[in-house]
């Protein structure tokens, strides 16, 4: 058993450091399996040697943030936990410039940082990982940034309209109403990056398109940032069709979660096929995100872990 001590001179800073109802320090305890207590101006971290080292590193950086800003946010805690876990000093705070006023988007884990760098450096990037790892969100942010900086002329957001246990035909409304639920996650991400009126204007001008995969056939897209979401639900033929839409000056991001497959039985996923087929192609990158890159509610990480462990039984 190892113990380290962090001295805190201002009692008020301990409140900010530990967070409302001790939520920040509970995250540290859960993340590193350590015991963290405070008494007489000293924070004691107790546990296994490696875990104590990582937890102390995160707490000391949290303390520095509190001393500088007066408060530490849950996002700060997530970043510091992931930084300590990966034992890296690499910056995870690189800001992505979007169009929404006052909105800041940045990679929050080392895995997300690697993902952002891969998209910036390659024409085609595959991102595979569980829900909540920012695969689509960060890709949309980079697309908006590219549009803002006039690196591209068009953003195209694409999704296969594959049912997750329900039948598309039984949904109410016309074709547009039936398709809209499948495109909603892409629109949700977009609405966080840009103002509503701006999105509406760009859609009317055909600068932004949000379309089902089937509508991509026969097109060639030049100077476009094209994102395919839920790519695990494409067939091999559909993936080939999609990837060959790339024109001059374009960039493609393909995102998916291989554990959430909704294709008919015995149908090979176009994502799995492409990852194997294109792994040695110049200009193509493949990034695998893990549950340590999940940045949604902390419960999401525990849910993913439970399903991963259950699949081994």
C-alpha atoms as a PDB file:
ATOM      1  CA  UNK A   1       0.000   0.000   0.000  1.00  0.00           C
ATOM      2  CA  UNK A   2       1.333   3.436  -1.026  1.00  0.00           C
ATOM      3  CA  UNK A   3       0.323   6.891   0.218  1.00  0.00           C
ATOM      4  CA  UNK A   4       1.049  10.374  -1.101  1.00  0.00           C
ATOM      5  CA  UNK A   5       0.144  13.730   0.393  1.00  0.00           C
ATOM      6  CA  UNK A   6      -0.917  16.894  -1.409  1.00  0.00           C
ATOM      7  CA  UNK A   7      -0.839  20.027   0.757  1.00  0.00           C
ATOM      8  CA  UNK A   8      -3.702  22.504   0.388  1.00  0.00           C
ATOM      9  CA  UNK A   9      -3.367  25.858   2.179  1.00  0.00           C
ATOM     10  CA  UNK A  10      -6.790  27.311   1.339  1.00  0.00           C
ATOM     11  CA  UNK A  11      -9.730  25.288   2.765  1.00  0.00           C
ATOM     12  CA  UNK A  12     -12.075  26.845   0.185  1.00  0.00           C
ATOM     13  CA  UNK A  13     -10.031  25.422  -2.659  1.00  0.00           C
ATOM     14  CA  UNK A  14     -10.652  21.918  -1.321  1.00  0.00           C
ATOM     15  CA  UNK A  15     -14.382  22.388  -1.890  1.00  0.00           C
ATOM     16  CA  UNK A  16     -13.774  23.367  -5.513  1.00  0.00           C
ATOM     17  CA  UNK A  17     -11.217  20.597  -5.944  1.00  0.00           C
ATOM     18  CA  UNK A  18     -13.509  17.874  -4.601  1.00  0.00           C
ATOM     19  CA  UNK A  19     -16.499  19.247  -6.537  1.00  0.00           C
ATOM     20  CA  UNK A  20     -20.214  19.468  -5.674  1.00  0.00           C
ATOM     21  CA  UNK A  21     -21.074  16.577  -3.352  1.00  0.00           C
ATOM     22  CA  UNK A  22     -17.479  15.345  -3.847  1.00  0.00           C
ATOM     23  CA  UNK A  23     -18.290  14.314  -7.431  1.00  0.00           C
ATOM     24  CA  UNK A  24     -14.813  15.163  -8.781  1.00  0.00           C
ATOM     25  CA  UNK A  25     -12.929  13.201  -6.162  1.00  0.00           C
ATOM     26  CA  UNK A  26     -15.342  10.274  -6.577  1.00  0.00           C
ATOM     27  CA  UNK A  27     -14.382  10.179 -10.258  1.00  0.00           C
ATOM     28  CA  UNK A  28     -10.716  10.005  -9.249  1.00  0.00           C
ATOM     29  CA  UNK A  29     -11.417   7.218  -6.742  1.00  0.00           C
ATOM     30  CA  UNK A  30     -13.395   5.176  -9.280  1.00  0.00           C
ATOM     31  CA  UNK A  31     -10.934   5.762 -12.118  1.00  0.00           C
ATOM     32  CA  UNK A  32      -7.819   4.704 -10.201  1.00  0.00           C
ATOM     33  CA  UNK A  33      -9.191   2.486  -7.404  1.00  0.00           C
ATOM     34  CA  UNK A  34      -7.644   4.672  -4.708  1.00  0.00           C
ATOM     35  CA  UNK A  35      -8.822   6.215  -1.455  1.00  0.00           C
ATOM     36  CA  UNK A  36      -8.743  10.026  -1.294  1.00  0.00           C
ATOM     37  CA  UNK A  37      -9.296  11.849   2.003  1.00  0.00           C
ATOM     38  CA  UNK A  38      -8.753  15.387   3.304  1.00  0.00           C
ATOM     39  CA  UNK A  39      -7.801  16.430   6.809  1.00  0.00           C
ATOM     40  CA  UNK A  40      -5.842  19.326   8.320  1.00  0.00           C
ATOM     41  CA  UNK A  41      -4.923  20.850   4.969  1.00  0.00           C
ATOM     42  CA  UNK A  42      -3.620  17.578   3.561  1.00  0.00           C
ATOM     43  CA  UNK A  43      -5.124  15.412   0.823  1.00  0.00           C
ATOM     44  CA  UNK A  44      -4.059  11.789   1.247  1.00  0.00           C
ATOM     45  CA  UNK A  45      -4.119   9.391  -1.697  1.00  0.00           C
ATOM     46  CA  UNK A  46      -3.837   5.722  -0.739  1.00  0.00           C
ATOM     47  CA  UNK A  47      -3.728   2.575  -2.876  1.00  0.00           C
ATOM     48  CA  UNK A  48      -1.499   0.623  -5.214  1.00  0.00           C
ATOM     49  CA  UNK A  49       1.735   2.361  -6.172  1.00  0.00           C
ATOM     50  CA  UNK A  50       0.933   2.878  -9.858  1.00  0.00           C
ATOM     51  CA  UNK A  51      -2.659   3.930  -9.193  1.00  0.00           C
ATOM     52  CA  UNK A  52      -1.599   6.388  -6.504  1.00  0.00           C
ATOM     53  CA  UNK A  53       0.962   7.950  -8.842  1.00  0.00           C
ATOM     54  CA  UNK A  54      -1.636   8.461 -11.586  1.00  0.00           C
ATOM     55  CA  UNK A  55      -4.333   9.730  -9.202  1.00  0.00           C
ATOM     56  CA  UNK A  56      -1.893  12.143  -7.554  1.00  0.00           C
ATOM     57  CA  UNK A  57      -0.838  13.450 -10.954  1.00  0.00           C
ATOM     58  CA  UNK A  58      -4.480  14.166 -11.859  1.00  0.00           C
ATOM     59  CA  UNK A  59      -5.246  15.756  -8.467  1.00  0.00           C
ATOM     60  CA  UNK A  60      -2.204  18.028  -8.599  1.00  0.00           C
ATOM     61  CA  UNK A  61      -3.246  19.310 -12.002  1.00  0.00           C
ATOM     62  CA  UNK A  62      -6.806  19.791 -10.739  1.00  0.00           C
ATOM     63  CA  UNK A  63      -5.364  21.785  -7.841  1.00  0.00           C
ATOM     64  CA  UNK A  64      -3.427  23.982 -10.283  1.00  0.00           C
ATOM     65  CA  UNK A  65      -6.616  24.658 -12.270  1.00  0.00           C
ATOM     66  CA  UNK A  66      -8.480  25.625  -9.083  1.00  0.00           C
ATOM     67  CA  UNK A  67      -5.669  27.977  -8.053  1.00  0.00           C
ATOM     68  CA  UNK A  68      -5.684  29.571 -11.503  1.00  0.00           C
ATOM     69  CA  UNK A  69      -9.409  29.668 -12.308  1.00  0.00           C
ATOM     70  CA  UNK A  70     -11.133  29.076  -8.983  1.00  0.00           C
ATOM     71  CA  UNK A  71     -13.110  26.121 -10.280  1.00  0.00           C
ATOM     72  CA  UNK A  72     -12.541  22.792 -12.012  1.00  0.00           C
ATOM     73  CA  UNK A  73     -15.157  21.432 -14.422  1.00  0.00           C
ATOM     74  CA  UNK A  74     -16.217  17.803 -14.998  1.00  0.00           C
ATOM     75  CA  UNK A  75     -14.635  18.114 -18.457  1.00  0.00           C
ATOM     76  CA  UNK A  76     -11.326  19.101 -16.851  1.00  0.00           C
ATOM     77  CA  UNK A  77     -11.528  16.042 -14.599  1.00  0.00           C
ATOM     78  CA  UNK A  78     -12.220  13.734 -17.565  1.00  0.00           C
ATOM     79  CA  UNK A  79      -9.251  15.125 -19.488  1.00  0.00           C
ATOM     80  CA  UNK A  80      -6.880  14.805 -16.547  1.00  0.00           C
ATOM     81  CA  UNK A  81      -8.004  11.263 -15.746  1.00  0.00           C
ATOM     82  CA  UNK A  82      -7.461  10.169 -19.329  1.00  0.00           C
ATOM     83  CA  UNK A  83      -4.121  11.974 -19.495  1.00  0.00           C
ATOM     84  CA  UNK A  84      -2.924  10.275 -16.308  1.00  0.00           C
ATOM     85  CA  UNK A  85      -4.156   6.865 -17.508  1.00  0.00           C
ATOM     86  CA  UNK A  86      -2.271   7.155 -20.781  1.00  0.00           C
ATOM     87  CA  UNK A  87       0.860   8.468 -19.018  1.00  0.00           C
ATOM     88  CA  UNK A  88       1.275  11.140 -21.673  1.00  0.00           C
ATOM     89  CA  UNK A  89       1.854  14.864 -21.556  1.00  0.00           C
ATOM     90  CA  UNK A  90       0.523  15.311 -25.068  1.00  0.00           C
ATOM     91  CA  UNK A  91      -1.993  18.134 -25.299  1.00  0.00           C
ATOM     92  CA  UNK A  92      -5.635  17.102 -25.471  1.00  0.00           C
ATOM     93  CA  UNK A  93      -6.845  20.693 -25.513  1.00  0.00           C
ATOM     94  CA  UNK A  94      -6.434  21.588 -29.179  1.00  0.00           C
ATOM     95  CA  UNK A  95      -9.444  23.730 -30.031  1.00  0.00           C
ATOM     96  CA  UNK A  96     -11.479  23.096 -33.172  1.00  0.00           C
ATOM     97  CA  UNK A  97     -12.883  26.352 -34.519  1.00  0.00           C
ATOM     98  CA  UNK A  98     -16.610  26.089 -35.239  1.00  0.00           C
ATOM     99  CA  UNK A  99     -19.158  28.700 -36.238  1.00  0.00           C
ATOM    100  CA  UNK A 100     -21.343  28.813 -33.115  1.00  0.00           C
ATOM    101  CA  UNK A 101     -20.573  31.929 -31.065  1.00  0.00           C
ATOM    102  CA  UNK A 102     -18.773  31.093 -27.837  1.00  0.00           C
ATOM    103  CA  UNK A 103     -18.727  27.368 -28.599  1.00  0.00           C
ATOM    104  CA  UNK A 104     -15.461  25.504 -28.016  1.00  0.00           C
ATOM    105  CA  UNK A 105     -14.855  21.996 -29.329  1.00  0.00           C
ATOM    106  CA  UNK A 106     -11.681  20.072 -28.598  1.00  0.00           C
ATOM    107  CA  UNK A 107     -10.494  16.480 -28.231  1.00  0.00           C
ATOM    108  CA  UNK A 108     -10.690  15.473 -24.592  1.00  0.00           C
ATOM    109  CA  UNK A 109      -8.733  12.206 -24.536  1.00  0.00           C
ATOM    110  CA  UNK A 110      -5.461  11.055 -26.110  1.00  0.00           C
ATOM    111  CA  UNK A 111      -7.450   8.746 -28.396  1.00  0.00           C
ATOM    112  CA  UNK A 112      -9.614  11.622 -29.580  1.00  0.00           C
ATOM    113  CA  UNK A 113      -6.507  13.738 -30.134  1.00  0.00           C
ATOM    114  CA  UNK A 114      -5.053  10.994 -32.340  1.00  0.00           C
ATOM    115  CA  UNK A 115      -8.371  10.833 -34.219  1.00  0.00           C
ATOM    116  CA  UNK A 116      -8.416  14.592 -34.881  1.00  0.00           C
ATOM    117  CA  UNK A 117      -4.803  14.528 -36.060  1.00  0.00           C
ATOM    118  CA  UNK A 118      -5.550  11.607 -38.393  1.00  0.00           C
ATOM    119  CA  UNK A 119      -8.458  13.477 -40.013  1.00  0.00           C
ATOM    120  CA  UNK A 120      -6.324  16.591 -40.489  1.00  0.00           C
ATOM    121  CA  UNK A 121      -3.496  14.629 -42.133  1.00  0.00           C
ATOM    122  CA  UNK A 122      -5.372  12.083 -44.295  1.00  0.00           C
ATOM    123  CA  UNK A 123      -7.918  12.177 -47.115  1.00  0.00           C
ATOM    124  CA  UNK A 124      -9.732   9.099 -45.752  1.00  0.00           C
ATOM    125  CA  UNK A 125     -10.063   8.252 -42.061  1.00  0.00           C
ATOM    126  CA  UNK A 126     -11.854   5.287 -40.498  1.00  0.00           C
ATOM    127  CA  UNK A 127     -12.897   5.618 -36.847  1.00  0.00           C
ATOM    128  CA  UNK A 128     -14.138   2.572 -34.953  1.00  0.00           C
ATOM    129  CA  UNK A 129     -15.255   2.635 -31.328  1.00  0.00           C
ATOM    130  CA  UNK A 130     -18.147   2.408 -28.868  1.00  0.00           C
ATOM    131  CA  UNK A 131     -20.893   4.950 -28.349  1.00  0.00           C
ATOM    132  CA  UNK A 132     -19.864   8.201 -26.698  1.00  0.00           C
ATOM    133  CA  UNK A 133     -16.278   8.367 -27.984  1.00  0.00           C
ATOM    134  CA  UNK A 134     -16.936  11.423 -30.182  1.00  0.00           C
ATOM    135  CA  UNK A 135     -16.498   9.703 -33.560  1.00  0.00           C
ATOM    136  CA  UNK A 136     -19.248  11.665 -35.302  1.00  0.00           C
ATOM    137  CA  UNK A 137     -19.155  14.774 -33.116  1.00  0.00           C
ATOM    138  CA  UNK A 138     -15.477  15.540 -33.717  1.00  0.00           C
ATOM    139  CA  UNK A 139     -15.736  14.751 -37.432  1.00  0.00           C
ATOM    140  CA  UNK A 140     -18.644  17.197 -37.792  1.00  0.00           C
ATOM    141  CA  UNK A 141     -16.669  19.830 -35.852  1.00  0.00           C
ATOM    142  CA  UNK A 142     -13.694  19.432 -38.196  1.00  0.00           C
ATOM    143  CA  UNK A 143     -16.006  19.633 -41.208  1.00  0.00           C
ATOM    144  CA  UNK A 144     -17.477  22.913 -39.932  1.00  0.00           C
ATOM    145  CA  UNK A 145     -13.964  24.222 -39.268  1.00  0.00           C
ATOM    146  CA  UNK A 146     -12.887  23.315 -42.824  1.00  0.00           C
ATOM    147  CA  UNK A 147     -15.942  25.129 -44.195  1.00  0.00           C
ATOM    148  CA  UNK A 148     -15.221  28.148 -42.001  1.00  0.00           C
ATOM    149  CA  UNK A 149     -11.627  28.280 -43.245  1.00  0.00           C
ATOM    150  CA  UNK A 150     -12.775  27.854 -46.882  1.00  0.00           C
ATOM    151  CA  UNK A 151     -10.791  24.620 -47.270  1.00  0.00           C
ATOM    152  CA  UNK A 152     -13.932  23.005 -48.710  1.00  0.00           C
ATOM    153  CA  UNK A 153     -17.122  24.212 -50.401  1.00  0.00           C
ATOM    154  CA  UNK A 154     -19.558  21.636 -49.066  1.00  0.00           C
ATOM    155  CA  UNK A 155     -20.336  19.377 -46.089  1.00  0.00           C
ATOM    156  CA  UNK A 156     -22.128  16.091 -46.764  1.00  0.00           C
ATOM    157  CA  UNK A 157     -23.365  14.053 -43.782  1.00  0.00           C
ATOM    158  CA  UNK A 158     -24.447  10.519 -44.677  1.00  0.00           C
ATOM    159  CA  UNK A 159     -26.106   7.643 -42.822  1.00  0.00           C
ATOM    160  CA  UNK A 160     -27.442   4.258 -43.918  1.00  0.00           C
ATOM    161  CA  UNK A 161     -31.193   3.942 -43.243  1.00  0.00           C
ATOM    162  CA  UNK A 162     -31.017   0.559 -41.547  1.00  0.00           C
ATOM    163  CA  UNK A 163     -33.584  -0.446 -38.929  1.00  0.00           C
ATOM    164  CA  UNK A 164     -32.401  -1.276 -35.420  1.00  0.00           C
ATOM    165  CA  UNK A 165     -35.046  -3.917 -34.732  1.00  0.00           C
ATOM    166  CA  UNK A 166     -37.993  -1.925 -36.082  1.00  0.00           C
ATOM    167  CA  UNK A 167     -39.375  -1.728 -39.592  1.00  0.00           C
ATOM    168  CA  UNK A 168     -38.883   1.541 -41.475  1.00  0.00           C
ATOM    169  CA  UNK A 169     -42.069   0.970 -43.454  1.00  0.00           C
ATOM    170  CA  UNK A 170     -44.246   1.075 -40.359  1.00  0.00           C
ATOM    171  CA  UNK A 171     -43.055   4.534 -39.314  1.00  0.00           C
ATOM    172  CA  UNK A 172     -45.686   7.250 -39.947  1.00  0.00           C
ATOM    173  CA  UNK A 173     -45.385   9.932 -42.611  1.00  0.00           C
ATOM    174  CA  UNK A 174     -43.885  10.329 -46.065  1.00  0.00           C
ATOM    175  CA  UNK A 175     -40.369   9.258 -47.119  1.00  0.00           C
ATOM    176  CA  UNK A 176     -38.739  12.387 -45.659  1.00  0.00           C
ATOM    177  CA  UNK A 177     -40.466  11.791 -42.304  1.00  0.00           C
ATOM    178  CA  UNK A 178     -39.388   8.139 -42.335  1.00  0.00           C
ATOM    179  CA  UNK A 179     -35.756   8.968 -43.099  1.00  0.00           C
ATOM    180  CA  UNK A 180     -35.435  11.907 -40.684  1.00  0.00           C
ATOM    181  CA  UNK A 181     -34.969   9.811 -37.478  1.00  0.00           C
ATOM    182  CA  UNK A 182     -31.920   8.132 -39.020  1.00  0.00           C
ATOM    183  CA  UNK A 183     -30.316  11.486 -39.836  1.00  0.00           C
ATOM    184  CA  UNK A 184     -31.202  13.103 -36.499  1.00  0.00           C
ATOM    185  CA  UNK A 185     -27.891  12.325 -34.697  1.00  0.00           C
ATOM    186  CA  UNK A 186     -25.965  14.097 -37.460  1.00  0.00           C
ATOM    187  CA  UNK A 187     -28.246  17.117 -37.245  1.00  0.00           C
ATOM    188  CA  UNK A 188     -27.914  17.195 -33.447  1.00  0.00           C
ATOM    189  CA  UNK A 189     -24.134  17.432 -33.775  1.00  0.00           C
ATOM    190  CA  UNK A 190     -24.443  20.114 -36.436  1.00  0.00           C
ATOM    191  CA  UNK A 191     -26.767  22.241 -34.289  1.00  0.00           C
ATOM    192  CA  UNK A 192     -24.059  22.394 -31.594  1.00  0.00           C
ATOM    193  CA  UNK A 193     -21.513  23.736 -34.085  1.00  0.00           C
ATOM    194  CA  UNK A 194     -23.579  26.369 -35.906  1.00  0.00           C
ATOM    195  CA  UNK A 195     -26.542  28.668 -35.369  1.00  0.00           C
ATOM    196  CA  UNK A 196     -29.916  27.367 -36.531  1.00  0.00           C
ATOM    197  CA  UNK A 197     -30.456  30.154 -39.100  1.00  0.00           C
ATOM    198  CA  UNK A 198     -26.978  29.572 -40.479  1.00  0.00           C
ATOM    199  CA  UNK A 199     -27.624  25.834 -40.920  1.00  0.00           C
ATOM    200  CA  UNK A 200     -30.958  26.539 -42.586  1.00  0.00           C
ATOM    201  CA  UNK A 201     -29.356  28.994 -45.000  1.00  0.00           C
ATOM    202  CA  UNK A 202     -26.500  26.620 -45.851  1.00  0.00           C
ATOM    203  CA  UNK A 203     -28.954  23.780 -46.470  1.00  0.00           C
ATOM    204  CA  UNK A 204     -31.031  25.962 -48.773  1.00  0.00           C
ATOM    205  CA  UNK A 205     -27.834  26.881 -50.654  1.00  0.00           C
ATOM    206  CA  UNK A 206     -26.809  23.189 -50.824  1.00  0.00           C
ATOM    207  CA  UNK A 207     -23.625  23.957 -48.872  1.00  0.00           C
ATOM    208  CA  UNK A 208     -24.691  21.396 -46.247  1.00  0.00           C
ATOM    209  CA  UNK A 209     -26.418  18.137 -47.122  1.00  0.00           C
ATOM    210  CA  UNK A 210     -27.703  15.509 -44.697  1.00  0.00           C
ATOM    211  CA  UNK A 211     -28.666  12.501 -46.800  1.00  0.00           C
ATOM    212  CA  UNK A 212     -29.331   8.756 -46.623  1.00  0.00           C
ATOM    213  CA  UNK A 213     -26.574   6.581 -48.079  1.00  0.00           C
ATOM    214  CA  UNK A 214     -28.767   5.359 -50.952  1.00  0.00           C
ATOM    215  CA  UNK A 215     -28.953   8.922 -52.298  1.00  0.00           C
ATOM    216  CA  UNK A 216     -25.184   9.009 -52.873  1.00  0.00           C
ATOM    217  CA  UNK A 217     -25.164   6.656 -55.857  1.00  0.00           C
ATOM    218  CA  UNK A 218     -23.899   8.186 -59.109  1.00  0.00           C
ATOM    219  CA  UNK A 219     -22.471  11.349 -57.533  1.00  0.00           C
ATOM    220  CA  UNK A 220     -18.948  12.787 -57.504  1.00  0.00           C
ATOM    221  CA  UNK A 221     -18.221  15.283 -54.738  1.00  0.00           C
ATOM    222  CA  UNK A 222     -15.381  17.762 -55.227  1.00  0.00           C
ATOM    223  CA  UNK A 223     -14.025  20.014 -52.452  1.00  0.00           C
ATOM    224  CA  UNK A 224     -16.348  18.391 -49.930  1.00  0.00           C
ATOM    225  CA  UNK A 225     -16.021  17.069 -46.387  1.00  0.00           C
ATOM    226  CA  UNK A 226     -18.028  13.831 -46.382  1.00  0.00           C
ATOM    227  CA  UNK A 227     -18.901  11.941 -43.192  1.00  0.00           C
ATOM    228  CA  UNK A 228     -20.453   8.468 -43.154  1.00  0.00           C
ATOM    229  CA  UNK A 229     -21.954   7.664 -39.758  1.00  0.00           C
ATOM    230  CA  UNK A 230     -23.052   4.195 -38.529  1.00  0.00           C
ATOM    231  CA  UNK A 231     -20.806   2.698 -41.207  1.00  0.00           C
ATOM    232  CA  UNK A 232     -21.021  -0.782 -39.672  1.00  0.00           C
ATOM    233  CA  UNK A 233     -24.507  -0.977 -41.213  1.00  0.00           C
ATOM    234  CA  UNK A 234     -23.290  -0.699 -44.804  1.00  0.00           C
ATOM    235  CA  UNK A 235     -22.819  -3.696 -47.057  1.00  0.00           C
ATOM    236  CA  UNK A 236     -19.555  -4.232 -48.917  1.00  0.00           C
ATOM    237  CA  UNK A 237     -21.134  -2.937 -52.142  1.00  0.00           C
ATOM    238  CA  UNK A 238     -22.533   0.143 -50.397  1.00  0.00           C
ATOM    239  CA  UNK A 239     -19.173   0.969 -48.829  1.00  0.00           C
ATOM    240  CA  UNK A 240     -17.423   0.705 -52.203  1.00  0.00           C
ATOM    241  CA  UNK A 241     -20.091   2.939 -53.746  1.00  0.00           C
ATOM    242  CA  UNK A 242     -19.693   5.517 -50.965  1.00  0.00           C
ATOM    243  CA  UNK A 243     -15.887   5.654 -50.963  1.00  0.00           C
ATOM    244  CA  UNK A 244     -15.764   6.141 -54.727  1.00  0.00           C
ATOM    245  CA  UNK A 245     -17.865   9.331 -54.457  1.00  0.00           C
ATOM    246  CA  UNK A 246     -14.699  11.221 -53.442  1.00  0.00           C
ATOM    247  CA  UNK A 247     -13.704  13.949 -55.873  1.00  0.00           C
ATOM    248  CA  UNK A 248     -10.770  16.360 -56.056  1.00  0.00           C
ATOM    249  CA  UNK A 249     -10.021  18.282 -52.868  1.00  0.00           C
ATOM    250  CA  UNK A 250     -12.380  16.173 -50.769  1.00  0.00           C
ATOM    251  CA  UNK A 251     -11.972  14.464 -47.417  1.00  0.00           C
ATOM    252  CA  UNK A 252     -13.922  11.455 -46.107  1.00  0.00           C
ATOM    253  CA  UNK A 253     -14.472  10.260 -42.533  1.00  0.00           C
ATOM    254  CA  UNK A 254     -16.096   6.858 -41.963  1.00  0.00           C
ATOM    255  CA  UNK A 255     -17.312   6.247 -38.397  1.00  0.00           C
ATOM    256  CA  UNK A 256     -18.878   3.160 -36.891  1.00  0.00           C
ATOM    257  CA  UNK A 257     -19.260   0.778 -33.968  1.00  0.00           C
ATOM    258  CA  UNK A 258     -18.728  -2.866 -34.911  1.00  0.00           C
ATOM    259  CA  UNK A 259     -20.655  -4.024 -31.822  1.00  0.00           C
ATOM    260  CA  UNK A 260     -23.907  -2.359 -32.970  1.00  0.00           C
ATOM    261  CA  UNK A 261     -24.563  -4.228 -36.199  1.00  0.00           C
ATOM    262  CA  UNK A 262     -28.118  -4.081 -37.597  1.00  0.00           C
ATOM    263  CA  UNK A 263     -27.513  -5.824 -40.934  1.00  0.00           C
ATOM    264  CA  UNK A 264     -29.376  -9.045 -41.809  1.00  0.00           C
ATOM    265  CA  UNK A 265     -27.737 -12.271 -40.564  1.00  0.00           C
ATOM    266  CA  UNK A 266     -24.751 -13.531 -42.597  1.00  0.00           C
ATOM    267  CA  UNK A 267     -24.313 -10.117 -44.298  1.00  0.00           C
ATOM    268  CA  UNK A 268     -20.706  -8.891 -44.172  1.00  0.00           C
ATOM    269  CA  UNK A 269     -20.294  -5.355 -42.884  1.00  0.00           C
ATOM    270  CA  UNK A 270     -18.803  -2.920 -45.388  1.00  0.00           C
ATOM    271  CA  UNK A 271     -16.886  -1.284 -42.532  1.00  0.00           C
ATOM    272  CA  UNK A 272     -15.141  -4.504 -41.461  1.00  0.00           C
ATOM    273  CA  UNK A 273     -14.366  -5.311 -45.077  1.00  0.00           C
ATOM    274  CA  UNK A 274     -12.939  -1.845 -45.817  1.00  0.00           C
ATOM    275  CA  UNK A 275     -10.768  -1.812 -42.697  1.00  0.00           C
ATOM    276  CA  UNK A 276      -9.126  -5.040 -43.846  1.00  0.00           C
ATOM    277  CA  UNK A 277      -9.023  -4.235 -47.558  1.00  0.00           C
ATOM    278  CA  UNK A 278      -7.657  -0.670 -47.297  1.00  0.00           C
ATOM    279  CA  UNK A 279      -5.293  -0.974 -44.323  1.00  0.00           C
ATOM    280  CA  UNK A 280      -2.166  -0.424 -46.429  1.00  0.00           C
ATOM    281  CA  UNK A 281      -3.535   2.252 -48.762  1.00  0.00           C
ATOM    282  CA  UNK A 282      -1.599   5.544 -48.772  1.00  0.00           C
ATOM    283  CA  UNK A 283      -3.697   8.503 -47.626  1.00  0.00           C
ATOM    284  CA  UNK A 284      -5.938   6.285 -45.478  1.00  0.00           C
ATOM    285  CA  UNK A 285      -5.876   6.131 -41.660  1.00  0.00           C
ATOM    286  CA  UNK A 286      -7.667   3.828 -39.223  1.00  0.00           C
ATOM    287  CA  UNK A 287      -8.271   4.897 -35.615  1.00  0.00           C
ATOM    288  CA  UNK A 288      -9.691   2.638 -32.925  1.00  0.00           C
ATOM    289  CA  UNK A 289     -11.241   4.401 -29.965  1.00  0.00           C
ATOM    290  CA  UNK A 290     -11.982   2.512 -26.744  1.00  0.00           C
ATOM    291  CA  UNK A 291     -14.178   2.896 -23.698  1.00  0.00           C
ATOM    292  CA  UNK A 292     -11.433   5.065 -22.133  1.00  0.00           C
ATOM    293  CA  UNK A 293     -12.298   7.641 -24.828  1.00  0.00           C
ATOM    294  CA  UNK A 294     -15.982   7.841 -23.828  1.00  0.00           C
ATOM    295  CA  UNK A 295     -16.855  11.411 -22.892  1.00  0.00           C
ATOM    296  CA  UNK A 296     -20.592  11.147 -22.297  1.00  0.00           C
ATOM    297  CA  UNK A 297     -22.128  10.564 -18.886  1.00  0.00           C
ATOM    298  CA  UNK A 298     -19.785   8.397 -16.723  1.00  0.00           C
ATOM    299  CA  UNK A 299     -22.512   5.731 -16.641  1.00  0.00           C
ATOM    300  CA  UNK A 300     -22.051   5.192 -20.403  1.00  0.00           C
ATOM    301  CA  UNK A 301     -18.509   3.922 -19.806  1.00  0.00           C
ATOM    302  CA  UNK A 302     -19.773   1.460 -17.197  1.00  0.00           C
ATOM    303  CA  UNK A 303     -22.553   0.286 -19.529  1.00  0.00           C
ATOM    304  CA  UNK A 304     -20.089  -0.326 -22.366  1.00  0.00           C
ATOM    305  CA  UNK A 305     -17.785  -2.214 -20.007  1.00  0.00           C
ATOM    306  CA  UNK A 306     -20.670  -4.417 -18.809  1.00  0.00           C
ATOM    307  CA  UNK A 307     -21.627  -5.351 -22.380  1.00  0.00           C
ATOM    308  CA  UNK A 308     -18.004  -6.024 -23.345  1.00  0.00           C
ATOM    309  CA  UNK A 309     -17.498  -8.306 -20.350  1.00  0.00           C
ATOM    310  CA  UNK A 310     -20.846  -9.998 -20.957  1.00  0.00           C
ATOM    311  CA  UNK A 311     -19.899 -10.870 -24.538  1.00  0.00           C
ATOM    312  CA  UNK A 312     -17.038 -13.015 -23.192  1.00  0.00           C
ATOM    313  CA  UNK A 313     -19.346 -15.316 -21.222  1.00  0.00           C
END
